Amino acid sequence: MSIWSRIAEALGALTKGEPLSAVFDKLRTPPERTVGFTIAVLALGAKMAKADGQVTRDEVAAFREIFIIPPEDEKKAARIFNLARQDVAGFEGYARQVARMFRDRPAVLEDLMEGLFHIAAADGVYHPAEDAFLVEVARLFGIGEDKFHILRARYAPGAHEPYAALGVEPSISDEDLRKHWRKLVRDLHPDKMIARGVPEEAERMATRRLAAVNAAYEEIIAERARMRDGVR
């Protein structure tokens, strides 16, 4: 059964009048939490779209930055977005419930934050309202400022800085830089993300994350090579 069919079942279990946020309290076991992860990204993404006023954006296209959504399942994804967008409750309640769901797996909360950054950057604009939204979600998730700045440097248009994207200082040696980059590549492998409970349908997020890390590393190496050539 696809993640989208499982999501439809989870939504179908809500009683009449229950808000979408109630679904998070019903998804407690590790298998169910893959459903919870997907709903959380879509629901918080909807709240973020509402926060920056860009509600006319092609939401499904933005979510395709993260998830593989077959054409026949697009309506299921769009339904979650619309339910969250129409819910009068603030995003803070959603974020707190998601934080409780994954309190024993903080790495999954970081994965979720990356998904939200992908959605924020999908239209090529990183709006101040989106930044304020993500800062508060990170706080509610218990994600520190250092990690948040790495994610912002990695994904936000206009905030790119290769050293920050890798989480290193410009003074790092070539050898230590390479060791750090290789460790990041190992730690960010899609298989590890899936093992944490992130759905396989989110493999695009893992692929883009590795691409961002590799691009930052290659940019630094190229710049250092140019600087050495200039010394000569």
C-alpha atoms as a PDB file:
ATOM      1  CA  MET A   1       0.000   0.000   0.000  1.00  0.00           C
ATOM      2  CA  SER A   2       1.410   3.401  -0.980  1.00  0.00           C
ATOM      3  CA  ILE A   3       2.023   6.155   1.538  1.00  0.00           C
ATOM      4  CA  TRP A   4      -0.799   8.130  -0.076  1.00  0.00           C
ATOM      5  CA  SER A   5      -3.323   5.326   0.451  1.00  0.00           C
ATOM      6  CA  ARG A   6      -2.181   5.028   4.076  1.00  0.00           C
ATOM      7  CA  ILE A   7      -2.640   8.789   4.473  1.00  0.00           C
ATOM      8  CA  ALA A   8      -6.159   8.519   3.078  1.00  0.00           C
ATOM      9  CA  GLU A   9      -6.909   5.834   5.677  1.00  0.00           C
ATOM     10  CA  ALA A  10      -5.504   8.017   8.470  1.00  0.00           C
ATOM     11  CA  LEU A  11      -7.653  10.952   7.391  1.00  0.00           C
ATOM     12  CA  GLY A  12     -10.657   8.652   7.102  1.00  0.00           C
ATOM     13  CA  ALA A  13     -10.213   7.681  10.757  1.00  0.00           C
ATOM     14  CA  LEU A  14     -10.858  11.257  11.879  1.00  0.00           C
ATOM     15  CA  THR A  15     -14.312  11.742  13.287  1.00  0.00           C
ATOM     16  CA  LYS A  16     -16.570  14.406  11.865  1.00  0.00           C
ATOM     17  CA  GLY A  17     -15.483  17.838  13.013  1.00  0.00           C
ATOM     18  CA  GLU A  18     -11.994  16.786  14.110  1.00  0.00           C
ATOM     19  CA  PRO A  19      -9.239  19.061  12.760  1.00  0.00           C
ATOM     20  CA  LEU A  20      -6.397  17.699  10.675  1.00  0.00           C
ATOM     21  CA  SER A  21      -4.050  18.241  13.616  1.00  0.00           C
ATOM     22  CA  ALA A  22      -5.875  15.471  15.516  1.00  0.00           C
ATOM     23  CA  VAL A  23      -4.358  12.908  13.162  1.00  0.00           C
ATOM     24  CA  PHE A  24      -0.931  13.288  14.777  1.00  0.00           C
ATOM     25  CA  ASP A  25      -2.197  11.899  18.088  1.00  0.00           C
ATOM     26  CA  LYS A  26      -3.415   8.769  16.277  1.00  0.00           C
ATOM     27  CA  LEU A  27      -0.074   7.943  14.645  1.00  0.00           C
ATOM     28  CA  ARG A  28       2.061   6.544  17.442  1.00  0.00           C
ATOM     29  CA  THR A  29       3.949   3.473  16.205  1.00  0.00           C
ATOM     30  CA  PRO A  30       7.067   3.696  13.964  1.00  0.00           C
ATOM     31  CA  PRO A  31       5.265   2.429  10.799  1.00  0.00           C
ATOM     32  CA  GLU A  32       2.468   4.947  11.317  1.00  0.00           C
ATOM     33  CA  ARG A  33       4.955   7.732  11.863  1.00  0.00           C
ATOM     34  CA  THR A  34       6.078   7.551   8.230  1.00  0.00           C
ATOM     35  CA  VAL A  35       2.517   8.642   7.473  1.00  0.00           C
ATOM     36  CA  GLY A  36       2.819  11.283  10.177  1.00  0.00           C
ATOM     37  CA  PHE A  37       6.029  12.622   8.642  1.00  0.00           C
ATOM     38  CA  THR A  38       4.392  13.069   5.242  1.00  0.00           C
ATOM     39  CA  ILE A  39       1.283  14.718   6.661  1.00  0.00           C
ATOM     40  CA  ALA A  40       3.477  16.988   8.802  1.00  0.00           C
ATOM     41  CA  VAL A  41       5.478  18.259   5.823  1.00  0.00           C
ATOM     42  CA  LEU A  42       2.340  18.872   3.774  1.00  0.00           C
ATOM     43  CA  ALA A  43       0.397  20.458   6.637  1.00  0.00           C
ATOM     44  CA  LEU A  44       3.200  22.722   7.842  1.00  0.00           C
ATOM     45  CA  GLY A  45       4.012  23.556   4.220  1.00  0.00           C
ATOM     46  CA  ALA A  46       0.409  24.680   3.816  1.00  0.00           C
ATOM     47  CA  LYS A  47       0.641  26.855   6.910  1.00  0.00           C
ATOM     48  CA  MET A  48       3.873  28.357   5.600  1.00  0.00           C
ATOM     49  CA  ALA A  49       2.287  29.123   2.223  1.00  0.00           C
ATOM     50  CA  LYS A  50      -0.495  30.888   4.055  1.00  0.00           C
ATOM     51  CA  ALA A  51       2.026  32.811   6.168  1.00  0.00           C
ATOM     52  CA  ASP A  52       3.837  34.315   3.169  1.00  0.00           C
ATOM     53  CA  GLY A  53       0.630  34.954   1.250  1.00  0.00           C
ATOM     54  CA  GLN A  54       1.698  32.889  -1.753  1.00  0.00           C
ATOM     55  CA  VAL A  55      -1.395  30.709  -1.783  1.00  0.00           C
ATOM     56  CA  THR A  56      -1.687  30.818  -5.576  1.00  0.00           C
ATOM     57  CA  ARG A  57       1.583  28.925  -5.979  1.00  0.00           C
ATOM     58  CA  ASP A  58       1.307  25.437  -7.486  1.00  0.00           C
ATOM     59  CA  GLU A  59       1.415  23.621  -4.158  1.00  0.00           C
ATOM     60  CA  VAL A  60       1.673  20.130  -5.599  1.00  0.00           C
ATOM     61  CA  ALA A  61       4.645  21.243  -7.696  1.00  0.00           C
ATOM     62  CA  ALA A  62       6.333  22.513  -4.546  1.00  0.00           C
ATOM     63  CA  PHE A  63       5.714  19.231  -2.761  1.00  0.00           C
ATOM     64  CA  ARG A  64       7.221  17.413  -5.734  1.00  0.00           C
ATOM     65  CA  GLU A  65      10.516  18.935  -4.623  1.00  0.00           C
ATOM     66  CA  ILE A  66      10.312  16.390  -1.803  1.00  0.00           C
ATOM     67  CA  PHE A  67       7.868  13.603  -2.550  1.00  0.00           C
ATOM     68  CA  ILE A  68       7.202  11.298  -5.450  1.00  0.00           C
ATOM     69  CA  ILE A  69       3.488  11.879  -6.057  1.00  0.00           C
ATOM     70  CA  PRO A  70       1.900   9.725  -8.779  1.00  0.00           C
ATOM     71  CA  PRO A  71      -0.718  11.604 -10.824  1.00  0.00           C
ATOM     72  CA  GLU A  72      -3.500   9.466  -9.383  1.00  0.00           C
ATOM     73  CA  ASP A  73      -2.501  10.517  -5.842  1.00  0.00           C
ATOM     74  CA  GLU A  74      -2.211  14.269  -6.409  1.00  0.00           C
ATOM     75  CA  LYS A  75      -5.719  14.893  -5.099  1.00  0.00           C
ATOM     76  CA  LYS A  76      -4.845  13.101  -1.845  1.00  0.00           C
ATOM     77  CA  ALA A  77      -1.806  15.334  -1.346  1.00  0.00           C
ATOM     78  CA  ALA A  78      -3.801  18.437  -2.260  1.00  0.00           C
ATOM     79  CA  ARG A  79      -6.518  17.463   0.231  1.00  0.00           C
ATOM     80  CA  ILE A  80      -4.047  17.542   3.132  1.00  0.00           C
ATOM     81  CA  PHE A  81      -2.786  20.930   2.014  1.00  0.00           C
ATOM     82  CA  ASN A  82      -6.288  22.342   1.795  1.00  0.00           C
ATOM     83  CA  LEU A  83      -7.367  20.910   5.154  1.00  0.00           C
ATOM     84  CA  ALA A  84      -4.357  22.487   6.864  1.00  0.00           C
ATOM     85  CA  ARG A  85      -4.746  25.790   5.058  1.00  0.00           C
ATOM     86  CA  GLN A  86      -8.432  26.017   6.012  1.00  0.00           C
ATOM     87  CA  ASP A  87      -7.831  25.042   9.644  1.00  0.00           C
ATOM     88  CA  VAL A  88      -8.094  28.147  11.807  1.00  0.00           C
ATOM     89  CA  ALA A  89      -5.581  26.723  14.302  1.00  0.00           C
ATOM     90  CA  GLY A  90      -2.103  28.222  14.161  1.00  0.00           C
ATOM     91  CA  PHE A  91       0.922  26.351  12.929  1.00  0.00           C
ATOM     92  CA  GLU A  92       2.429  26.309  16.422  1.00  0.00           C
ATOM     93  CA  GLY A  93      -0.008  23.631  17.575  1.00  0.00           C
ATOM     94  CA  TYR A  94       0.872  21.476  14.579  1.00  0.00           C
ATOM     95  CA  ALA A  95       4.585  21.896  15.223  1.00  0.00           C
ATOM     96  CA  ARG A  96       4.264  20.986  18.914  1.00  0.00           C
ATOM     97  CA  GLN A  97       2.322  17.819  18.105  1.00  0.00           C
ATOM     98  CA  VAL A  98       4.865  16.788  15.490  1.00  0.00           C
ATOM     99  CA  ALA A  99       7.697  17.471  17.951  1.00  0.00           C
ATOM    100  CA  ARG A 100       6.014  15.168  20.473  1.00  0.00           C
ATOM    101  CA  MET A 101       5.536  12.471  17.847  1.00  0.00           C
ATOM    102  CA  PHE A 102       9.246  12.399  17.013  1.00  0.00           C
ATOM    103  CA  ARG A 103      10.678  13.399  20.397  1.00  0.00           C
ATOM    104  CA  ASP A 104      12.679  10.143  20.470  1.00  0.00           C
ATOM    105  CA  ARG A 105      13.996  10.730  16.928  1.00  0.00           C
ATOM    106  CA  PRO A 106      15.351  14.281  16.697  1.00  0.00           C
ATOM    107  CA  ALA A 107      17.085  13.481  13.388  1.00  0.00           C
ATOM    108  CA  VAL A 108      13.642  12.985  11.817  1.00  0.00           C
ATOM    109  CA  LEU A 109      12.655  16.476  12.942  1.00  0.00           C
ATOM    110  CA  GLU A 110      15.750  17.795  11.143  1.00  0.00           C
ATOM    111  CA  ASP A 111      14.660  15.836   8.050  1.00  0.00           C
ATOM    112  CA  LEU A 112      11.261  17.479   8.313  1.00  0.00           C
ATOM    113  CA  MET A 113      12.838  20.930   8.591  1.00  0.00           C
ATOM    114  CA  GLU A 114      14.775  20.244   5.406  1.00  0.00           C
ATOM    115  CA  GLY A 115      11.522  19.364   3.692  1.00  0.00           C
ATOM    116  CA  LEU A 116      10.050  22.711   4.723  1.00  0.00           C
ATOM    117  CA  PHE A 117      13.125  24.520   3.429  1.00  0.00           C
ATOM    118  CA  HIS A 118      12.691  22.761   0.092  1.00  0.00           C
ATOM    119  CA  ILE A 119       9.086  23.970  -0.092  1.00  0.00           C
ATOM    120  CA  ALA A 120      10.070  27.512   0.903  1.00  0.00           C
ATOM    121  CA  ALA A 121      12.730  27.627  -1.823  1.00  0.00           C
ATOM    122  CA  ALA A 122      10.681  25.885  -4.510  1.00  0.00           C
ATOM    123  CA  ASP A 123       9.538  29.146  -6.126  1.00  0.00           C
ATOM    124  CA  GLY A 124      13.037  30.653  -6.076  1.00  0.00           C
ATOM    125  CA  VAL A 125      12.115  33.232  -3.436  1.00  0.00           C
ATOM    126  CA  TYR A 126      12.835  33.005   0.293  1.00  0.00           C
ATOM    127  CA  HIS A 127      10.285  35.354   1.820  1.00  0.00           C
ATOM    128  CA  PRO A 128      10.954  37.021   5.224  1.00  0.00           C
ATOM    129  CA  ALA A 129       7.664  35.571   6.449  1.00  0.00           C
ATOM    130  CA  GLU A 130       8.874  32.102   5.487  1.00  0.00           C
ATOM    131  CA  ASP A 131      12.094  32.676   7.389  1.00  0.00           C
ATOM    132  CA  ALA A 132      10.207  33.807  10.501  1.00  0.00           C
ATOM    133  CA  PHE A 133       7.927  30.767  10.183  1.00  0.00           C
ATOM    134  CA  LEU A 134      10.857  28.362   9.895  1.00  0.00           C
ATOM    135  CA  VAL A 135      12.739  29.980  12.781  1.00  0.00           C
ATOM    136  CA  GLU A 136       9.747  29.402  15.059  1.00  0.00           C
ATOM    137  CA  VAL A 137       9.154  25.830  13.834  1.00  0.00           C
ATOM    138  CA  ALA A 138      12.834  25.032  14.454  1.00  0.00           C
ATOM    139  CA  ARG A 139      12.514  26.424  17.978  1.00  0.00           C
ATOM    140  CA  LEU A 140       9.443  24.291  18.667  1.00  0.00           C
ATOM    141  CA  PHE A 141      11.262  21.257  17.247  1.00  0.00           C
ATOM    142  CA  GLY A 142      14.218  21.898  19.544  1.00  0.00           C
ATOM    143  CA  ILE A 143      16.588  22.481  16.619  1.00  0.00           C
ATOM    144  CA  GLY A 144      19.452  24.778  17.590  1.00  0.00           C
ATOM    145  CA  GLU A 145      20.517  27.956  15.823  1.00  0.00           C
ATOM    146  CA  ASP A 146      23.696  26.392  14.421  1.00  0.00           C
ATOM    147  CA  LYS A 147      21.779  23.630  12.661  1.00  0.00           C
ATOM    148  CA  PHE A 148      19.158  26.079  11.441  1.00  0.00           C
ATOM    149  CA  HIS A 149      21.828  28.317   9.905  1.00  0.00           C
ATOM    150  CA  ILE A 150      23.330  25.317   8.101  1.00  0.00           C
ATOM    151  CA  LEU A 151      19.954  24.484   6.569  1.00  0.00           C
ATOM    152  CA  ARG A 152      19.309  28.104   5.617  1.00  0.00           C
ATOM    153  CA  ALA A 153      22.728  28.378   3.932  1.00  0.00           C
ATOM    154  CA  ARG A 154      22.138  25.087   2.150  1.00  0.00           C
ATOM    155  CA  TYR A 155      18.721  25.803   0.662  1.00  0.00           C
ATOM    156  CA  ALA A 156      17.475  29.383   0.967  1.00  0.00           C
ATOM    157  CA  PRO A 157      17.886  31.488  -2.205  1.00  0.00           C
ATOM    158  CA  GLY A 158      20.045  34.486  -1.413  1.00  0.00           C
ATOM    159  CA  ALA A 159      21.445  32.935   1.766  1.00  0.00           C
ATOM    160  CA  HIS A 160      23.872  30.506   0.136  1.00  0.00           C
ATOM    161  CA  GLU A 161      27.305  30.307   1.719  1.00  0.00           C
ATOM    162  CA  PRO A 162      29.252  27.099   1.012  1.00  0.00           C
ATOM    163  CA  TYR A 163      31.207  26.901   4.281  1.00  0.00           C
ATOM    164  CA  ALA A 164      28.058  27.482   6.322  1.00  0.00           C
ATOM    165  CA  ALA A 165      26.198  24.926   4.193  1.00  0.00           C
ATOM    166  CA  LEU A 166      28.738  22.304   5.245  1.00  0.00           C
ATOM    167  CA  GLY A 167      28.869  23.504   8.840  1.00  0.00           C
ATOM    168  CA  VAL A 168      32.612  24.325   8.780  1.00  0.00           C
ATOM    169  CA  GLU A 169      34.793  27.405   9.187  1.00  0.00           C
ATOM    170  CA  PRO A 170      36.712  28.915   6.220  1.00  0.00           C
ATOM    171  CA  SER A 171      39.939  28.191   8.096  1.00  0.00           C
ATOM    172  CA  ILE A 172      39.482  24.417   7.836  1.00  0.00           C
ATOM    173  CA  SER A 173      42.333  22.604   6.075  1.00  0.00           C
ATOM    174  CA  ASP A 174      41.832  20.857   2.739  1.00  0.00           C
ATOM    175  CA  GLU A 175      42.360  17.481   4.389  1.00  0.00           C
ATOM    176  CA  ASP A 176      39.898  18.104   7.216  1.00  0.00           C
ATOM    177  CA  LEU A 177      37.400  19.571   4.760  1.00  0.00           C
ATOM    178  CA  ARG A 178      37.515  16.422   2.671  1.00  0.00           C
ATOM    179  CA  LYS A 179      37.097  14.223   5.774  1.00  0.00           C
ATOM    180  CA  HIS A 180      34.130  16.292   6.919  1.00  0.00           C
ATOM    181  CA  TRP A 181      32.520  16.186   3.478  1.00  0.00           C
ATOM    182  CA  ARG A 182      32.934  12.409   3.211  1.00  0.00           C
ATOM    183  CA  LYS A 183      31.354  11.947   6.637  1.00  0.00           C
ATOM    184  CA  LEU A 184      28.426  14.146   5.620  1.00  0.00           C
ATOM    185  CA  VAL A 185      27.908  12.085   2.476  1.00  0.00           C
ATOM    186  CA  ARG A 186      27.829   8.901   4.544  1.00  0.00           C
ATOM    187  CA  ASP A 187      25.520  10.360   7.186  1.00  0.00           C
ATOM    188  CA  LEU A 188      23.120  11.846   4.639  1.00  0.00           C
ATOM    189  CA  HIS A 189      22.754   8.723   2.514  1.00  0.00           C
ATOM    190  CA  PRO A 190      19.093   8.101   1.573  1.00  0.00           C
ATOM    191  CA  ASP A 191      19.181   4.616   3.154  1.00  0.00           C
ATOM    192  CA  LYS A 192      19.914   6.158   6.557  1.00  0.00           C
ATOM    193  CA  MET A 193      17.047   8.591   6.161  1.00  0.00           C
ATOM    194  CA  ILE A 194      14.631   5.765   5.337  1.00  0.00           C
ATOM    195  CA  ALA A 195      15.961   3.724   8.275  1.00  0.00           C
ATOM    196  CA  ARG A 196      15.002   6.635  10.566  1.00  0.00           C
ATOM    197  CA  GLY A 197      11.392   6.316   9.462  1.00  0.00           C
ATOM    198  CA  VAL A 198      11.203   8.822   6.637  1.00  0.00           C
ATOM    199  CA  PRO A 199       9.029   7.399   3.812  1.00  0.00           C
ATOM    200  CA  GLU A 200      10.694   6.108   0.661  1.00  0.00           C
ATOM    201  CA  GLU A 201       8.497   8.515  -1.305  1.00  0.00           C
ATOM    202  CA  ALA A 202      10.646  11.332   0.130  1.00  0.00           C
ATOM    203  CA  GLU A 203      13.784  10.101  -1.644  1.00  0.00           C
ATOM    204  CA  ARG A 204      13.940  13.314  -3.684  1.00  0.00           C
ATOM    205  CA  MET A 205      14.655  15.207  -0.500  1.00  0.00           C
ATOM    206  CA  ALA A 206      17.619  12.942   0.242  1.00  0.00           C
ATOM    207  CA  THR A 207      18.896  13.272  -3.318  1.00  0.00           C
ATOM    208  CA  ARG A 208      18.673  17.069  -3.231  1.00  0.00           C
ATOM    209  CA  ARG A 209      20.340  17.177   0.168  1.00  0.00           C
ATOM    210  CA  LEU A 210      23.341  15.234  -1.132  1.00  0.00           C
ATOM    211  CA  ALA A 211      23.417  17.452  -4.214  1.00  0.00           C
ATOM    212  CA  ALA A 212      23.486  20.592  -2.027  1.00  0.00           C
ATOM    213  CA  VAL A 213      26.334  19.221   0.093  1.00  0.00           C
ATOM    214  CA  ASN A 214      28.337  18.131  -2.944  1.00  0.00           C
ATOM    215  CA  ALA A 215      27.800  21.483  -4.672  1.00  0.00           C
ATOM    216  CA  ALA A 216      29.012  23.378  -1.600  1.00  0.00           C
ATOM    217  CA  TYR A 217      32.103  21.184  -1.322  1.00  0.00           C
ATOM    218  CA  GLU A 218      32.930  21.526  -5.027  1.00  0.00           C
ATOM    219  CA  GLU A 219      32.464  25.303  -4.844  1.00  0.00           C
ATOM    220  CA  ILE A 220      34.960  25.553  -1.976  1.00  0.00           C
ATOM    221  CA  ILE A 221      37.500  23.314  -3.704  1.00  0.00           C
ATOM    222  CA  ALA A 222      37.214  25.312  -6.932  1.00  0.00           C
ATOM    223  CA  GLU A 223      37.605  28.623  -5.093  1.00  0.00           C
ATOM    224  CA  ARG A 224      40.661  27.369  -3.223  1.00  0.00           C
ATOM    225  CA  ALA A 225      42.198  26.199  -6.492  1.00  0.00           C
ATOM    226  CA  ARG A 226      41.631  29.640  -8.021  1.00  0.00           C
ATOM    227  CA  MET A 227      43.244  31.292  -5.008  1.00  0.00           C
ATOM    228  CA  ARG A 228      46.314  29.061  -5.303  1.00  0.00           C
ATOM    229  CA  ASP A 229      46.584  29.834  -9.002  1.00  0.00           C
ATOM    230  CA  GLY A 230      46.369  33.526  -8.203  1.00  0.00           C
ATOM    231  CA  VAL A 231      49.263  33.258  -5.759  1.00  0.00           C
ATOM    232  CA  ARG A 232      51.390  31.798  -8.526  1.00  0.00           C
END
